[in-house]
């Protein structure tokens, strides 16, 4: 299993994503098509549904909190990058 955190204690998500076969396949030609985006959305939903069946309600709530915080981080990071471009 890949570790979630690097040696400095930072979330290791960039390395985990870069090593993911789905990501590699999508990015192979450097273009993200509508079909690839749709297929990845379906794969994501399937993975989350699988987790839902495997976990208790308490675990589901913890997973939802983590996914939500990652979504917030992703959104504000991109907003921050866009505001830097506008300077």
C-alpha atoms as a PDB file:
ATOM      1  CA  UNK A   1       0.000   0.000   0.000  1.00  0.00           C
ATOM      2  CA  UNK A   2       1.208   3.485  -0.778  1.00  0.00           C
ATOM      3  CA  UNK A   3       1.607   5.774   2.197  1.00  0.00           C
ATOM      4  CA  UNK A   4      -0.793   8.671   2.514  1.00  0.00           C
ATOM      5  CA  UNK A   5       1.893  10.994   3.856  1.00  0.00           C
ATOM      6  CA  UNK A   6       5.482  11.716   2.802  1.00  0.00           C
ATOM      7  CA  UNK A   7       8.530  11.974   5.078  1.00  0.00           C
ATOM      8  CA  UNK A   8       7.661  15.579   5.972  1.00  0.00           C
ATOM      9  CA  UNK A   9       4.113  14.638   6.978  1.00  0.00           C
ATOM     10  CA  UNK A  10       2.520  16.177   3.874  1.00  0.00           C
ATOM     11  CA  UNK A  11      -0.328  14.456   2.059  1.00  0.00           C
ATOM     12  CA  UNK A  12       1.205  12.304  -0.670  1.00  0.00           C
ATOM     13  CA  UNK A  13      -1.733  12.655  -3.081  1.00  0.00           C
ATOM     14  CA  UNK A  14       0.270  13.939  -6.078  1.00  0.00           C
ATOM     15  CA  UNK A  15       2.484  10.837  -6.124  1.00  0.00           C
ATOM     16  CA  UNK A  16      -0.465   8.534  -5.507  1.00  0.00           C
ATOM     17  CA  UNK A  17      -2.421  10.081  -8.389  1.00  0.00           C
ATOM     18  CA  UNK A  18       0.600  10.084 -10.716  1.00  0.00           C
ATOM     19  CA  UNK A  19       1.111   6.348 -10.098  1.00  0.00           C
ATOM     20  CA  UNK A  20      -2.557   5.490 -10.637  1.00  0.00           C
ATOM     21  CA  UNK A  21      -3.224   3.435 -13.795  1.00  0.00           C
ATOM     22  CA  UNK A  22      -6.392   5.415 -14.583  1.00  0.00           C
ATOM     23  CA  UNK A  23      -4.494   8.707 -14.452  1.00  0.00           C
ATOM     24  CA  UNK A  24      -1.637   7.337 -16.536  1.00  0.00           C
ATOM     25  CA  UNK A  25      -4.036   6.072 -19.199  1.00  0.00           C
ATOM     26  CA  UNK A  26      -5.965   9.339 -19.364  1.00  0.00           C
ATOM     27  CA  UNK A  27      -2.832  11.485 -19.488  1.00  0.00           C
ATOM     28  CA  UNK A  28      -0.894   9.276 -21.901  1.00  0.00           C
ATOM     29  CA  UNK A  29      -1.617  11.527 -24.895  1.00  0.00           C
ATOM     30  CA  UNK A  30      -1.765  14.747 -22.854  1.00  0.00           C
ATOM     31  CA  UNK A  31      -5.421  15.344 -23.742  1.00  0.00           C
ATOM     32  CA  UNK A  32      -8.427  14.710 -21.504  1.00  0.00           C
ATOM     33  CA  UNK A  33     -11.458  13.838 -23.617  1.00  0.00           C
ATOM     34  CA  UNK A  34     -15.103  14.157 -22.606  1.00  0.00           C
ATOM     35  CA  UNK A  35     -15.350  10.341 -22.611  1.00  0.00           C
ATOM     36  CA  UNK A  36     -12.309   9.963 -20.354  1.00  0.00           C
ATOM     37  CA  UNK A  37     -13.763  12.506 -17.950  1.00  0.00           C
ATOM     38  CA  UNK A  38     -17.149  10.748 -17.965  1.00  0.00           C
ATOM     39  CA  UNK A  39     -15.527   7.325 -17.483  1.00  0.00           C
ATOM     40  CA  UNK A  40     -13.377   8.612 -14.596  1.00  0.00           C
ATOM     41  CA  UNK A  41     -16.435  10.150 -12.941  1.00  0.00           C
ATOM     42  CA  UNK A  42     -18.176   6.755 -13.185  1.00  0.00           C
ATOM     43  CA  UNK A  43     -15.113   4.970 -11.767  1.00  0.00           C
ATOM     44  CA  UNK A  44     -14.978   7.443  -8.887  1.00  0.00           C
ATOM     45  CA  UNK A  45     -18.656   6.945  -8.069  1.00  0.00           C
ATOM     46  CA  UNK A  46     -18.221   3.160  -8.221  1.00  0.00           C
ATOM     47  CA  UNK A  47     -15.255   3.321  -5.816  1.00  0.00           C
ATOM     48  CA  UNK A  48     -17.199   5.479  -3.361  1.00  0.00           C
ATOM     49  CA  UNK A  49     -20.263   3.198  -3.578  1.00  0.00           C
ATOM     50  CA  UNK A  50     -17.981   0.210  -2.845  1.00  0.00           C
ATOM     51  CA  UNK A  51     -16.625   2.008   0.226  1.00  0.00           C
ATOM     52  CA  UNK A  52     -20.163   2.766   1.355  1.00  0.00           C
ATOM     53  CA  UNK A  53     -21.052  -0.930   1.366  1.00  0.00           C
ATOM     54  CA  UNK A  54     -17.884  -1.864   3.264  1.00  0.00           C
ATOM     55  CA  UNK A  55     -18.026   0.762   6.011  1.00  0.00           C
ATOM     56  CA  UNK A  56     -20.075   1.490   9.079  1.00  0.00           C
ATOM     57  CA  UNK A  57     -22.022   4.740   9.259  1.00  0.00           C
ATOM     58  CA  UNK A  58     -19.278   6.221  11.467  1.00  0.00           C
ATOM     59  CA  UNK A  59     -16.614   5.247   8.926  1.00  0.00           C
ATOM     60  CA  UNK A  60     -18.752   6.606   6.078  1.00  0.00           C
ATOM     61  CA  UNK A  61     -19.007   9.936   7.896  1.00  0.00           C
ATOM     62  CA  UNK A  62     -15.220  10.058   8.354  1.00  0.00           C
ATOM     63  CA  UNK A  63     -14.696   9.279   4.666  1.00  0.00           C
ATOM     64  CA  UNK A  64     -17.222  11.944   3.663  1.00  0.00           C
ATOM     65  CA  UNK A  65     -15.464  14.501   5.855  1.00  0.00           C
ATOM     66  CA  UNK A  66     -12.086  13.648   4.287  1.00  0.00           C
ATOM     67  CA  UNK A  67     -13.466  13.766   0.731  1.00  0.00           C
ATOM     68  CA  UNK A  68     -15.186  17.073   1.478  1.00  0.00           C
ATOM     69  CA  UNK A  69     -12.032  18.633   2.919  1.00  0.00           C
ATOM     70  CA  UNK A  70     -10.032  17.409  -0.103  1.00  0.00           C
ATOM     71  CA  UNK A  71     -12.661  18.950  -2.379  1.00  0.00           C
ATOM     72  CA  UNK A  72     -12.425  22.247  -0.513  1.00  0.00           C
ATOM     73  CA  UNK A  73      -8.623  22.152  -0.737  1.00  0.00           C
ATOM     74  CA  UNK A  74      -8.794  21.430  -4.474  1.00  0.00           C
ATOM     75  CA  UNK A  75     -11.285  24.274  -5.063  1.00  0.00           C
ATOM     76  CA  UNK A  76      -9.438  26.906  -3.023  1.00  0.00           C
ATOM     77  CA  UNK A  77      -6.061  25.852  -4.432  1.00  0.00           C
ATOM     78  CA  UNK A  78      -7.317  26.412  -7.966  1.00  0.00           C
ATOM     79  CA  UNK A  79      -8.952  29.692  -6.962  1.00  0.00           C
ATOM     80  CA  UNK A  80      -5.642  30.781  -5.426  1.00  0.00           C
ATOM     81  CA  UNK A  81      -3.796  29.854  -8.645  1.00  0.00           C
ATOM     82  CA  UNK A  82      -6.310  31.818 -10.738  1.00  0.00           C
ATOM     83  CA  UNK A  83      -6.080  34.898  -8.534  1.00  0.00           C
ATOM     84  CA  UNK A  84      -2.274  34.771  -8.837  1.00  0.00           C
ATOM     85  CA  UNK A  85      -2.667  34.786 -12.632  1.00  0.00           C
ATOM     86  CA  UNK A  86      -4.808  37.926 -12.390  1.00  0.00           C
ATOM     87  CA  UNK A  87      -2.150  39.883 -10.474  1.00  0.00           C
END
